[in-house]
Amino acid sequence: MLLETIVVGPLGVNCLILGDKQSKEGVVVDPGADSDMVLAAVNRLGLKIKYLINTHGHFDHVGGNRQVKEATGAEFLIHQSDLRLLEMAARSAQNYGLVVENSPLPDRYLTDGMQLSYGKRTIEVLHTPGHTQGGCCLLLRNEGVVITGDTLFADSVGRTDLPGGSHEQLIRSINEKLMPLDDTTVVWPGHGPSSTIGQERRYNPYLNE
C-alpha cells in the first residue's frame, strides 16, 4: 500500500494520499489547501484517483476539493451531516482571516459501515460524531491503519467548542469505534504526528479522565 502525507495550509492539515501499487488506483483524503502540491504528489506516484474523501466539513480540510476533483475526476464523498459546514467553508475561513474556495457538492454521502474499494484495498467508514456531527474515520483494516481526521490525535482529541461539537459524544465515538481496534493499529490524524491505538489507549489524557 502507498500512503503519503502532505501537510497543507496554514493550519497544518494532514492530507493523505492512498494508493494501490498494482492497480494504481488511489484516494485523496482532506486536501485542505495547496492543491498543486497534492496533485504533484499524485502525478509523481502515478495514481488514478478514484475517491476524494473529507473526514469532516471544516474549511481547513476542504479548501482544495474543487481543484483536486476537477483535475482527477474523483468521486467526492463526505457525511451528509456536514453538508452545511461544507457549504459555508469560505465564510468560515474569513472568520480566521483566511481565504478558502467553496467546495463542490458531494457525489455521494459517507455512511457508517460503508466500504469503498480501490484496487485490492478496502476502506471501511466509521461515523464518529463529536468534533462535528458528520465526522468520520477511515479504517484500512487489512493494513492496520485508521485515518481519524479531527476525531483523535496523538495525546489529544478534537475540539468540541465549535457549532455541532459535543465532547461527550466525541469520547463515546472514540470508545465505541476506535478503542476496539488492535493496539498496533496506526493512527493518522488530521493534524500532527501519527500514533497507535495502543499508545492512545494507555496515555491519552482525554481517554483516561
N, C-alpha and C. Protein backbone atom coordinates (compact mmCIF):
# COMPACT_ATOMS: atom_id res chain seq x y z
N MET A 1 0.84 -1.20 0.00
CA MET A 1 0.00 0.00 0.00
C MET A 1 0.87 1.24 0.00
N LEU A 2 0.48 2.22 -0.80
CA LEU A 2 1.12 3.51 -0.78
C LEU A 2 0.37 4.41 0.20
N LEU A 3 1.08 5.13 1.03
CA LEU A 3 0.47 6.11 1.93
C LEU A 3 1.45 7.26 2.07
N GLU A 4 1.03 8.42 1.61
CA GLU A 4 1.88 9.60 1.70
C GLU A 4 1.10 10.72 2.36
N THR A 5 1.75 11.42 3.28
CA THR A 5 1.13 12.54 3.98
C THR A 5 1.75 13.84 3.51
N ILE A 6 0.90 14.80 3.19
CA ILE A 6 1.34 16.13 2.81
C ILE A 6 0.67 17.12 3.75
N VAL A 7 1.45 17.91 4.45
CA VAL A 7 0.90 18.89 5.38
C VAL A 7 0.55 20.14 4.57
N VAL A 8 -0.74 20.52 4.61
CA VAL A 8 -1.22 21.60 3.75
C VAL A 8 -1.88 22.71 4.57
N GLY A 9 -1.78 23.92 4.04
CA GLY A 9 -2.49 25.05 4.58
C GLY A 9 -1.88 25.61 5.86
N PRO A 10 -2.33 26.81 6.24
CA PRO A 10 -1.78 27.47 7.43
C PRO A 10 -2.11 26.77 8.74
N LEU A 11 -3.12 25.90 8.75
CA LEU A 11 -3.47 25.18 9.97
C LEU A 11 -2.86 23.78 10.01
N GLY A 12 -2.01 23.47 9.05
CA GLY A 12 -1.24 22.23 9.09
C GLY A 12 -2.07 20.97 9.03
N VAL A 13 -2.93 20.86 8.03
CA VAL A 13 -3.77 19.67 7.87
C VAL A 13 -2.97 18.56 7.21
N ASN A 14 -3.13 17.35 7.72
CA ASN A 14 -2.52 16.18 7.09
C ASN A 14 -3.42 15.70 5.95
N CYS A 15 -3.04 16.01 4.72
CA CYS A 15 -3.71 15.45 3.55
C CYS A 15 -3.05 14.12 3.25
N LEU A 16 -3.84 13.07 3.18
CA LEU A 16 -3.29 11.74 2.93
C LEU A 16 -3.61 11.27 1.51
N ILE A 17 -2.61 10.71 0.87
CA ILE A 17 -2.78 10.09 -0.44
C ILE A 17 -2.56 8.60 -0.27
N LEU A 18 -3.57 7.81 -0.61
CA LEU A 18 -3.50 6.36 -0.52
C LEU A 18 -3.44 5.80 -1.93
N GLY A 19 -2.70 4.71 -2.08
CA GLY A 19 -2.62 4.11 -3.40
C GLY A 19 -2.45 2.61 -3.35
N ASP A 20 -3.00 1.93 -4.33
CA ASP A 20 -2.82 0.50 -4.52
C ASP A 20 -1.75 0.33 -5.60
N LYS A 21 -0.64 -0.30 -5.23
CA LYS A 21 0.51 -0.35 -6.13
C LYS A 21 0.21 -1.09 -7.43
N GLN A 22 -0.62 -2.14 -7.36
CA GLN A 22 -0.87 -2.94 -8.56
C GLN A 22 -1.80 -2.24 -9.53
N SER A 23 -2.94 -1.78 -9.04
CA SER A 23 -3.93 -1.17 -9.93
C SER A 23 -3.64 0.30 -10.21
N LYS A 24 -2.84 0.93 -9.32
CA LYS A 24 -2.55 2.36 -9.37
C LYS A 24 -3.79 3.22 -9.11
N GLU A 25 -4.84 2.61 -8.55
CA GLU A 25 -5.97 3.42 -8.10
C GLU A 25 -5.61 4.06 -6.76
N GLY A 26 -6.16 5.23 -6.51
CA GLY A 26 -5.81 5.94 -5.30
C GLY A 26 -6.96 6.74 -4.71
N VAL A 27 -6.67 7.30 -3.54
CA VAL A 27 -7.65 8.07 -2.77
C VAL A 27 -6.94 9.30 -2.20
N VAL A 28 -7.59 10.44 -2.25
CA VAL A 28 -7.08 11.64 -1.58
C VAL A 28 -8.03 11.98 -0.44
N VAL A 29 -7.46 12.14 0.75
CA VAL A 29 -8.25 12.45 1.95
C VAL A 29 -7.87 13.84 2.45
N ASP A 30 -8.85 14.70 2.59
CA ASP A 30 -8.71 16.03 3.20
C ASP A 30 -7.67 16.93 2.52
N PRO A 31 -7.88 17.25 1.24
CA PRO A 31 -6.99 18.21 0.58
C PRO A 31 -7.41 19.64 0.96
N GLY A 32 -6.98 20.06 2.13
CA GLY A 32 -7.48 21.32 2.68
C GLY A 32 -6.97 22.56 1.98
N ALA A 33 -5.82 22.46 1.33
CA ALA A 33 -5.20 23.60 0.65
C ALA A 33 -4.04 23.06 -0.19
N ASP A 34 -3.29 23.98 -0.80
CA ASP A 34 -2.09 23.60 -1.54
C ASP A 34 -2.37 22.47 -2.54
N SER A 35 -3.42 22.65 -3.32
CA SER A 35 -3.84 21.60 -4.25
C SER A 35 -2.76 21.25 -5.26
N ASP A 36 -1.99 22.25 -5.69
CA ASP A 36 -0.94 21.99 -6.68
C ASP A 36 0.07 20.99 -6.12
N MET A 37 0.39 21.13 -4.84
CA MET A 37 1.34 20.22 -4.20
C MET A 37 0.75 18.82 -4.09
N VAL A 38 -0.54 18.73 -3.75
CA VAL A 38 -1.21 17.44 -3.66
C VAL A 38 -1.24 16.75 -5.02
N LEU A 39 -1.61 17.50 -6.05
CA LEU A 39 -1.71 16.92 -7.39
C LEU A 39 -0.34 16.52 -7.93
N ALA A 40 0.69 17.27 -7.57
CA ALA A 40 2.04 16.90 -7.99
C ALA A 40 2.44 15.56 -7.38
N ALA A 41 2.06 15.34 -6.12
CA ALA A 41 2.36 14.06 -5.48
C ALA A 41 1.58 12.93 -6.14
N VAL A 42 0.32 13.19 -6.46
CA VAL A 42 -0.50 12.19 -7.15
C VAL A 42 0.15 11.79 -8.47
N ASN A 43 0.61 12.79 -9.22
CA ASN A 43 1.24 12.52 -10.52
C ASN A 43 2.57 11.77 -10.34
N ARG A 44 3.33 12.17 -9.33
CA ARG A 44 4.62 11.50 -9.09
C ARG A 44 4.41 10.03 -8.74
N LEU A 45 3.34 9.74 -8.01
CA LEU A 45 3.03 8.36 -7.63
C LEU A 45 2.35 7.58 -8.75
N GLY A 46 1.94 8.29 -9.79
CA GLY A 46 1.31 7.64 -10.93
C GLY A 46 -0.06 7.08 -10.64
N LEU A 47 -0.84 7.79 -9.80
CA LEU A 47 -2.13 7.28 -9.36
C LEU A 47 -3.29 7.86 -10.15
N LYS A 48 -4.30 7.02 -10.34
CA LYS A 48 -5.61 7.46 -10.83
C LYS A 48 -6.52 7.55 -9.62
N ILE A 49 -6.90 8.77 -9.25
CA ILE A 49 -7.66 8.97 -8.00
C ILE A 49 -9.12 8.59 -8.21
N LYS A 50 -9.55 7.61 -7.46
CA LYS A 50 -10.92 7.11 -7.55
C LYS A 50 -11.85 7.87 -6.61
N TYR A 51 -11.36 8.17 -5.41
CA TYR A 51 -12.19 8.84 -4.40
C TYR A 51 -11.47 10.06 -3.83
N LEU A 52 -12.23 11.10 -3.61
CA LEU A 52 -11.83 12.26 -2.82
C LEU A 52 -12.73 12.26 -1.59
N ILE A 53 -12.14 12.14 -0.41
CA ILE A 53 -12.92 11.98 0.82
C ILE A 53 -12.56 13.08 1.81
N ASN A 54 -13.58 13.69 2.40
CA ASN A 54 -13.38 14.59 3.54
C ASN A 54 -13.80 13.89 4.82
N THR A 55 -12.91 13.89 5.82
CA THR A 55 -13.27 13.29 7.11
C THR A 55 -14.33 14.11 7.82
N HIS A 56 -14.37 15.40 7.53
CA HIS A 56 -15.42 16.29 8.06
C HIS A 56 -15.40 17.57 7.24
N GLY A 57 -16.30 18.50 7.57
CA GLY A 57 -16.53 19.63 6.68
C GLY A 57 -15.88 20.94 7.04
N HIS A 58 -14.99 20.99 8.03
CA HIS A 58 -14.35 22.26 8.38
C HIS A 58 -13.47 22.77 7.24
N PHE A 59 -13.41 24.10 7.13
CA PHE A 59 -12.80 24.72 5.96
C PHE A 59 -11.36 24.31 5.73
N ASP A 60 -10.61 24.04 6.81
CA ASP A 60 -9.20 23.72 6.64
C ASP A 60 -8.97 22.33 6.05
N HIS A 61 -10.03 21.52 5.97
CA HIS A 61 -9.92 20.18 5.40
C HIS A 61 -10.53 20.08 4.00
N VAL A 62 -11.23 21.13 3.55
CA VAL A 62 -11.98 21.01 2.29
C VAL A 62 -11.58 22.04 1.23
N GLY A 63 -10.66 22.93 1.55
CA GLY A 63 -10.37 24.07 0.68
C GLY A 63 -9.82 23.70 -0.69
N GLY A 64 -9.21 22.52 -0.82
CA GLY A 64 -8.67 22.11 -2.11
C GLY A 64 -9.56 21.16 -2.88
N ASN A 65 -10.76 20.93 -2.38
CA ASN A 65 -11.64 19.94 -3.02
C ASN A 65 -11.88 20.20 -4.50
N ARG A 66 -12.23 21.45 -4.81
CA ARG A 66 -12.62 21.74 -6.19
C ARG A 66 -11.48 21.46 -7.17
N GLN A 67 -10.31 21.94 -6.84
CA GLN A 67 -9.20 21.77 -7.78
C GLN A 67 -8.82 20.30 -7.91
N VAL A 68 -8.81 19.56 -6.81
CA VAL A 68 -8.46 18.14 -6.88
C VAL A 68 -9.51 17.36 -7.65
N LYS A 69 -10.77 17.67 -7.40
CA LYS A 69 -11.84 16.94 -8.11
C LYS A 69 -11.81 17.24 -9.61
N GLU A 70 -11.63 18.50 -9.96
CA GLU A 70 -11.61 18.86 -11.37
C GLU A 70 -10.42 18.24 -12.10
N ALA A 71 -9.29 18.13 -11.40
CA ALA A 71 -8.08 17.60 -12.03
C ALA A 71 -8.10 16.09 -12.15
N THR A 72 -8.78 15.42 -11.24
CA THR A 72 -8.72 13.95 -11.20
C THR A 72 -10.00 13.26 -11.63
N GLY A 73 -11.14 13.97 -11.57
CA GLY A 73 -12.42 13.34 -11.86
C GLY A 73 -12.88 12.37 -10.78
N ALA A 74 -12.28 12.46 -9.58
CA ALA A 74 -12.61 11.55 -8.50
C ALA A 74 -14.04 11.74 -8.00
N GLU A 75 -14.61 10.67 -7.48
CA GLU A 75 -15.90 10.76 -6.81
C GLU A 75 -15.68 11.36 -5.43
N PHE A 76 -16.46 12.38 -5.10
CA PHE A 76 -16.28 13.13 -3.86
C PHE A 76 -17.31 12.69 -2.82
N LEU A 77 -16.83 12.33 -1.62
CA LEU A 77 -17.71 11.86 -0.54
C LEU A 77 -17.43 12.58 0.76
N ILE A 78 -18.49 12.86 1.50
CA ILE A 78 -18.45 13.41 2.85
C ILE A 78 -19.75 12.97 3.52
N HIS A 79 -19.79 12.98 4.85
CA HIS A 79 -21.02 12.60 5.54
C HIS A 79 -22.06 13.70 5.38
N GLN A 80 -23.29 13.29 5.21
CA GLN A 80 -24.37 14.25 4.95
C GLN A 80 -24.55 15.27 6.07
N SER A 81 -24.26 14.87 7.30
CA SER A 81 -24.46 15.78 8.44
C SER A 81 -23.51 16.97 8.41
N ASP A 82 -22.46 16.91 7.59
CA ASP A 82 -21.53 18.02 7.48
C ASP A 82 -21.71 18.82 6.19
N LEU A 83 -22.81 18.60 5.51
CA LEU A 83 -23.04 19.31 4.25
C LEU A 83 -23.11 20.82 4.48
N ARG A 84 -23.75 21.24 5.56
CA ARG A 84 -23.86 22.67 5.86
C ARG A 84 -22.49 23.29 6.10
N LEU A 85 -21.62 22.59 6.83
CA LEU A 85 -20.26 23.09 7.04
C LEU A 85 -19.52 23.22 5.72
N LEU A 86 -19.70 22.24 4.86
CA LEU A 86 -19.04 22.26 3.56
C LEU A 86 -19.47 23.48 2.76
N GLU A 87 -20.76 23.77 2.80
CA GLU A 87 -21.31 24.87 2.00
C GLU A 87 -20.87 26.24 2.51
N MET A 88 -20.50 26.34 3.78
CA MET A 88 -20.11 27.63 4.36
C MET A 88 -18.61 27.72 4.63
N ALA A 89 -17.83 26.87 3.96
CA ALA A 89 -16.39 26.83 4.22
C ALA A 89 -15.72 28.17 3.96
N ALA A 90 -16.01 28.81 2.85
CA ALA A 90 -15.37 30.08 2.52
C ALA A 90 -15.68 31.14 3.57
N ARG A 91 -16.93 31.20 3.99
CA ARG A 91 -17.33 32.18 5.01
C ARG A 91 -16.66 31.89 6.35
N SER A 92 -16.56 30.62 6.70
CA SER A 92 -15.91 30.24 7.96
C SER A 92 -14.44 30.62 7.94
N ALA A 93 -13.78 30.42 6.82
CA ALA A 93 -12.36 30.76 6.72
C ALA A 93 -12.13 32.25 6.91
N GLN A 94 -13.07 33.07 6.42
CA GLN A 94 -12.94 34.52 6.56
C GLN A 94 -12.89 34.93 8.03
N ASN A 95 -13.56 34.18 8.88
CA ASN A 95 -13.55 34.49 10.31
C ASN A 95 -12.16 34.33 10.93
N TYR A 96 -11.30 33.59 10.24
CA TYR A 96 -9.92 33.39 10.70
C TYR A 96 -8.93 34.19 9.86
N GLY A 97 -9.46 35.08 9.02
CA GLY A 97 -8.61 35.89 8.16
C GLY A 97 -7.98 35.12 7.02
N LEU A 98 -8.62 34.00 6.63
CA LEU A 98 -8.08 33.14 5.58
C LEU A 98 -9.03 33.10 4.39
N VAL A 99 -8.48 32.74 3.25
CA VAL A 99 -9.28 32.64 2.02
C VAL A 99 -9.31 31.17 1.59
N VAL A 100 -10.52 30.63 1.48
CA VAL A 100 -10.73 29.25 1.05
C VAL A 100 -11.81 29.24 -0.02
N GLU A 101 -11.59 28.46 -1.06
CA GLU A 101 -12.59 28.33 -2.12
C GLU A 101 -13.69 27.37 -1.67
N ASN A 102 -14.93 27.72 -1.95
CA ASN A 102 -16.02 26.83 -1.61
C ASN A 102 -15.89 25.51 -2.36
N SER A 103 -16.31 24.45 -1.72
CA SER A 103 -16.20 23.10 -2.28
C SER A 103 -17.37 22.80 -3.20
N PRO A 104 -17.16 21.94 -4.18
CA PRO A 104 -18.32 21.40 -4.92
C PRO A 104 -19.14 20.52 -3.98
N LEU A 105 -20.35 20.25 -4.37
CA LEU A 105 -21.20 19.35 -3.59
C LEU A 105 -20.73 17.91 -3.77
N PRO A 106 -20.98 17.07 -2.77
CA PRO A 106 -20.54 15.67 -2.88
C PRO A 106 -21.32 14.90 -3.94
N ASP A 107 -20.68 13.89 -4.49
CA ASP A 107 -21.34 12.98 -5.41
C ASP A 107 -22.14 11.92 -4.64
N ARG A 108 -21.67 11.62 -3.43
CA ARG A 108 -22.30 10.59 -2.62
C ARG A 108 -21.94 10.87 -1.16
N TYR A 109 -22.74 10.34 -0.25
CA TYR A 109 -22.51 10.57 1.18
C TYR A 109 -21.86 9.36 1.84
N LEU A 110 -20.93 9.63 2.74
CA LEU A 110 -20.38 8.58 3.59
C LEU A 110 -21.43 8.13 4.58
N THR A 111 -21.47 6.84 4.86
CA THR A 111 -22.36 6.29 5.89
C THR A 111 -21.58 5.30 6.74
N ASP A 112 -22.01 5.14 7.97
CA ASP A 112 -21.32 4.23 8.89
C ASP A 112 -21.34 2.81 8.34
N GLY A 113 -20.17 2.20 8.29
CA GLY A 113 -20.07 0.83 7.78
C GLY A 113 -19.88 0.72 6.28
N MET A 114 -19.99 1.83 5.57
CA MET A 114 -19.76 1.80 4.12
C MET A 114 -18.36 1.30 3.82
N GLN A 115 -18.23 0.53 2.73
CA GLN A 115 -16.92 0.06 2.29
C GLN A 115 -16.64 0.60 0.89
N LEU A 116 -15.45 1.16 0.74
CA LEU A 116 -15.02 1.74 -0.52
C LEU A 116 -13.75 1.03 -0.96
N SER A 117 -13.76 0.51 -2.16
CA SER A 117 -12.61 -0.25 -2.64
C SER A 117 -11.84 0.53 -3.68
N TYR A 118 -10.52 0.47 -3.59
CA TYR A 118 -9.65 0.99 -4.64
C TYR A 118 -8.58 -0.06 -4.87
N GLY A 119 -8.50 -0.56 -6.11
CA GLY A 119 -7.66 -1.71 -6.37
C GLY A 119 -8.11 -2.87 -5.50
N LYS A 120 -7.17 -3.50 -4.82
CA LYS A 120 -7.49 -4.61 -3.92
C LYS A 120 -7.61 -4.15 -2.47
N ARG A 121 -7.62 -2.84 -2.25
CA ARG A 121 -7.70 -2.27 -0.91
C ARG A 121 -9.12 -1.85 -0.59
N THR A 122 -9.47 -1.89 0.70
CA THR A 122 -10.81 -1.52 1.12
C THR A 122 -10.74 -0.55 2.29
N ILE A 123 -11.51 0.51 2.19
CA ILE A 123 -11.69 1.48 3.27
C ILE A 123 -13.04 1.23 3.92
N GLU A 124 -13.06 1.11 5.23
CA GLU A 124 -14.31 0.99 5.98
C GLU A 124 -14.58 2.32 6.68
N VAL A 125 -15.76 2.87 6.49
CA VAL A 125 -16.13 4.16 7.06
C VAL A 125 -16.69 3.96 8.47
N LEU A 126 -16.14 4.71 9.42
CA LEU A 126 -16.62 4.71 10.79
C LEU A 126 -17.15 6.10 11.10
N HIS A 127 -18.46 6.23 11.31
CA HIS A 127 -19.03 7.53 11.65
C HIS A 127 -18.72 7.82 13.11
N THR A 128 -17.97 8.90 13.36
CA THR A 128 -17.53 9.23 14.72
C THR A 128 -17.87 10.68 15.06
N PRO A 129 -19.15 10.99 15.24
CA PRO A 129 -19.53 12.37 15.53
C PRO A 129 -18.99 12.84 16.88
N GLY A 130 -18.86 14.15 16.99
CA GLY A 130 -18.39 14.76 18.23
C GLY A 130 -17.61 16.02 17.94
N HIS A 131 -16.58 15.94 17.10
CA HIS A 131 -15.90 17.14 16.63
C HIS A 131 -16.85 17.91 15.71
N THR A 132 -17.46 17.20 14.79
CA THR A 132 -18.61 17.67 14.01
C THR A 132 -19.62 16.53 13.98
N GLN A 133 -20.83 16.85 13.58
CA GLN A 133 -21.85 15.80 13.55
C GLN A 133 -21.61 14.79 12.43
N GLY A 134 -20.87 15.18 11.41
CA GLY A 134 -20.61 14.26 10.31
C GLY A 134 -19.21 13.69 10.30
N GLY A 135 -18.47 13.88 11.37
CA GLY A 135 -17.10 13.41 11.41
C GLY A 135 -17.00 11.90 11.18
N CYS A 136 -16.03 11.49 10.37
CA CYS A 136 -15.83 10.08 10.07
C CYS A 136 -14.35 9.73 10.14
N CYS A 137 -14.08 8.48 10.52
CA CYS A 137 -12.75 7.90 10.44
C CYS A 137 -12.74 6.86 9.33
N LEU A 138 -11.58 6.63 8.76
CA LEU A 138 -11.44 5.71 7.62
C LEU A 138 -10.49 4.60 8.02
N LEU A 139 -11.03 3.38 8.10
CA LEU A 139 -10.27 2.24 8.58
C LEU A 139 -9.79 1.38 7.41
N LEU A 140 -8.48 1.17 7.35
CA LEU A 140 -7.90 0.20 6.41
C LEU A 140 -7.50 -1.00 7.25
N ARG A 141 -8.46 -1.87 7.46
CA ARG A 141 -8.30 -2.93 8.45
C ARG A 141 -7.15 -3.87 8.09
N ASN A 142 -7.06 -4.25 6.84
CA ASN A 142 -6.01 -5.20 6.44
C ASN A 142 -4.61 -4.60 6.53
N GLU A 143 -4.53 -3.28 6.44
CA GLU A 143 -3.24 -2.61 6.51
C GLU A 143 -2.90 -2.15 7.92
N GLY A 144 -3.85 -2.25 8.85
CA GLY A 144 -3.62 -1.82 10.21
C GLY A 144 -3.46 -0.32 10.37
N VAL A 145 -4.29 0.44 9.63
CA VAL A 145 -4.22 1.89 9.63
C VAL A 145 -5.62 2.46 9.80
N VAL A 146 -5.75 3.52 10.62
CA VAL A 146 -7.01 4.24 10.69
C VAL A 146 -6.72 5.74 10.56
N ILE A 147 -7.44 6.38 9.65
CA ILE A 147 -7.32 7.82 9.42
C ILE A 147 -8.42 8.47 10.25
N THR A 148 -8.04 9.29 11.22
CA THR A 148 -9.01 9.74 12.22
C THR A 148 -9.46 11.19 12.06
N GLY A 149 -8.98 11.89 11.03
CA GLY A 149 -9.41 13.28 10.88
C GLY A 149 -9.16 14.04 12.17
N ASP A 150 -10.16 14.83 12.60
CA ASP A 150 -10.02 15.58 13.84
C ASP A 150 -10.77 14.93 14.99
N THR A 151 -10.99 13.61 14.90
CA THR A 151 -11.61 12.88 16.00
C THR A 151 -10.59 12.54 17.07
N LEU A 152 -9.47 11.96 16.67
CA LEU A 152 -8.44 11.52 17.62
C LEU A 152 -7.08 11.95 17.12
N PHE A 153 -6.30 12.58 18.03
CA PHE A 153 -4.93 12.99 17.74
C PHE A 153 -3.97 12.24 18.65
N ALA A 154 -2.68 12.38 18.38
CA ALA A 154 -1.67 11.86 19.30
C ALA A 154 -1.77 12.65 20.61
N ASP A 155 -2.13 11.95 21.68
CA ASP A 155 -2.23 12.54 23.02
C ASP A 155 -3.34 13.59 23.15
N SER A 156 -4.29 13.60 22.24
CA SER A 156 -5.36 14.58 22.33
C SER A 156 -6.57 14.10 21.55
N VAL A 157 -7.63 14.92 21.57
CA VAL A 157 -8.84 14.64 20.79
C VAL A 157 -9.28 15.95 20.14
N GLY A 158 -10.24 15.85 19.23
CA GLY A 158 -10.71 17.02 18.52
C GLY A 158 -11.42 18.01 19.44
N ARG A 159 -11.32 19.28 19.09
CA ARG A 159 -12.03 20.31 19.86
C ARG A 159 -13.53 20.15 19.65
N THR A 160 -14.28 20.53 20.65
CA THR A 160 -15.73 20.35 20.58
C THR A 160 -16.48 21.64 20.92
N ASP A 161 -15.78 22.78 20.85
CA ASP A 161 -16.40 24.06 21.22
C ASP A 161 -16.95 24.80 20.00
N LEU A 162 -16.89 24.19 18.83
CA LEU A 162 -17.45 24.80 17.63
C LEU A 162 -18.87 24.28 17.42
N PRO A 163 -19.68 24.98 16.61
CA PRO A 163 -21.06 24.53 16.39
C PRO A 163 -21.13 23.08 15.93
N GLY A 164 -22.00 22.31 16.59
CA GLY A 164 -22.15 20.89 16.26
C GLY A 164 -21.25 19.99 17.05
N GLY A 165 -20.37 20.56 17.88
CA GLY A 165 -19.45 19.75 18.65
C GLY A 165 -20.03 19.30 19.97
N SER A 166 -19.59 18.14 20.44
CA SER A 166 -20.02 17.60 21.74
C SER A 166 -18.89 16.73 22.28
N HIS A 167 -18.31 17.15 23.41
CA HIS A 167 -17.21 16.38 23.99
C HIS A 167 -17.68 14.99 24.41
N GLU A 168 -18.84 14.93 25.03
CA GLU A 168 -19.37 13.64 25.48
C GLU A 168 -19.58 12.70 24.29
N GLN A 169 -20.12 13.23 23.23
CA GLN A 169 -20.36 12.42 22.03
C GLN A 169 -19.04 11.99 21.39
N LEU A 170 -18.06 12.89 21.38
CA LEU A 170 -16.76 12.56 20.79
C LEU A 170 -16.09 11.41 21.53
N ILE A 171 -16.06 11.49 22.86
CA ILE A 171 -15.43 10.44 23.65
C ILE A 171 -16.17 9.12 23.47
N ARG A 172 -17.49 9.19 23.37
CA ARG A 172 -18.27 7.97 23.13
C ARG A 172 -17.93 7.38 21.76
N SER A 173 -17.80 8.22 20.75
CA SER A 173 -17.44 7.74 19.41
C SER A 173 -16.07 7.05 19.43
N ILE A 174 -15.12 7.67 20.10
CA ILE A 174 -13.78 7.09 20.16
C ILE A 174 -13.81 5.75 20.89
N ASN A 175 -14.51 5.71 22.01
CA ASN A 175 -14.55 4.46 22.79
C ASN A 175 -15.27 3.34 22.05
N GLU A 176 -16.33 3.70 21.31
CA GLU A 176 -17.12 2.67 20.65
C GLU A 176 -16.54 2.23 19.31
N LYS A 177 -15.90 3.16 18.58
CA LYS A 177 -15.47 2.85 17.22
C LYS A 177 -13.96 2.64 17.08
N LEU A 178 -13.17 3.32 17.88
CA LEU A 178 -11.72 3.25 17.71
C LEU A 178 -11.02 2.38 18.74
N MET A 179 -11.44 2.45 19.98
CA MET A 179 -10.76 1.68 21.01
C MET A 179 -10.87 0.16 20.84
N PRO A 180 -11.90 -0.38 20.17
CA PRO A 180 -11.92 -1.82 19.91
C PRO A 180 -10.86 -2.30 18.91
N LEU A 181 -10.20 -1.37 18.20
CA LEU A 181 -9.19 -1.75 17.22
C LEU A 181 -7.94 -2.27 17.94
N ASP A 182 -7.14 -3.05 17.20
CA ASP A 182 -5.90 -3.60 17.77
C ASP A 182 -4.96 -2.49 18.20
N ASP A 183 -4.21 -2.76 19.27
CA ASP A 183 -3.25 -1.79 19.78
C ASP A 183 -2.25 -1.35 18.72
N THR A 184 -1.92 -2.24 17.79
CA THR A 184 -0.90 -1.94 16.79
C THR A 184 -1.42 -1.08 15.64
N THR A 185 -2.72 -0.83 15.60
CA THR A 185 -3.29 -0.03 14.51
C THR A 185 -2.68 1.37 14.52
N VAL A 186 -2.14 1.78 13.38
CA VAL A 186 -1.52 3.10 13.26
C VAL A 186 -2.60 4.16 13.07
N VAL A 187 -2.50 5.23 13.84
CA VAL A 187 -3.45 6.33 13.79
C VAL A 187 -2.84 7.48 12.99
N TRP A 188 -3.52 7.86 11.89
CA TRP A 188 -3.11 9.05 11.14
C TRP A 188 -4.17 10.13 11.36
N PRO A 189 -3.88 11.12 12.19
CA PRO A 189 -4.86 12.16 12.48
C PRO A 189 -4.87 13.28 11.45
N GLY A 190 -5.81 14.19 11.62
CA GLY A 190 -5.93 15.31 10.70
C GLY A 190 -4.89 16.38 10.89
N HIS A 191 -4.23 16.40 12.03
CA HIS A 191 -3.14 17.34 12.32
C HIS A 191 -2.12 16.62 13.20
N GLY A 192 -0.86 16.97 13.04
CA GLY A 192 0.15 16.47 13.95
C GLY A 192 0.66 15.09 13.62
N PRO A 193 1.47 14.51 14.53
CA PRO A 193 2.14 13.24 14.25
C PRO A 193 1.21 12.05 14.35
N SER A 194 1.66 10.94 13.78
CA SER A 194 0.91 9.69 13.89
C SER A 194 1.10 9.08 15.27
N SER A 195 0.27 8.08 15.56
CA SER A 195 0.33 7.39 16.85
C SER A 195 -0.14 5.96 16.60
N THR A 196 -0.50 5.28 17.67
CA THR A 196 -1.15 3.97 17.56
C THR A 196 -2.33 3.94 18.51
N ILE A 197 -3.25 3.03 18.26
CA ILE A 197 -4.39 2.87 19.16
C ILE A 197 -3.91 2.49 20.56
N GLY A 198 -2.91 1.62 20.65
CA GLY A 198 -2.40 1.23 21.96
C GLY A 198 -1.82 2.39 22.73
N GLN A 199 -1.07 3.24 22.04
CA GLN A 199 -0.49 4.43 22.68
C GLN A 199 -1.59 5.33 23.22
N GLU A 200 -2.62 5.55 22.42
CA GLU A 200 -3.70 6.45 22.85
C GLU A 200 -4.53 5.80 23.96
N ARG A 201 -4.74 4.52 23.89
CA ARG A 201 -5.49 3.82 24.93
C ARG A 201 -4.81 3.99 26.31
N ARG A 202 -3.50 3.93 26.30
CA ARG A 202 -2.76 3.96 27.57
C ARG A 202 -2.50 5.37 28.08
N TYR A 203 -2.21 6.30 27.16
CA TYR A 203 -1.63 7.56 27.60
C TYR A 203 -2.43 8.82 27.23
N ASN A 204 -3.44 8.69 26.39
CA ASN A 204 -4.20 9.89 26.02
C ASN A 204 -4.99 10.37 27.24
N PRO A 205 -4.70 11.58 27.73
CA PRO A 205 -5.35 12.03 28.97
C PRO A 205 -6.87 12.19 28.84
N TYR A 206 -7.36 12.45 27.63
CA TYR A 206 -8.79 12.64 27.44
C TYR A 206 -9.55 11.32 27.49
N LEU A 207 -8.85 10.22 27.28
CA LEU A 207 -9.49 8.91 27.31
C LEU A 207 -9.33 8.22 28.67
N ASN A 208 -8.64 8.91 29.56
CA ASN A 208 -8.41 8.34 30.89
C ASN A 208 -8.84 9.30 31.99
N GLU A 209 -9.88 10.08 31.68
CA GLU A 209 -10.40 11.04 32.65
C GLU A 209 -11.17 10.34 33.76
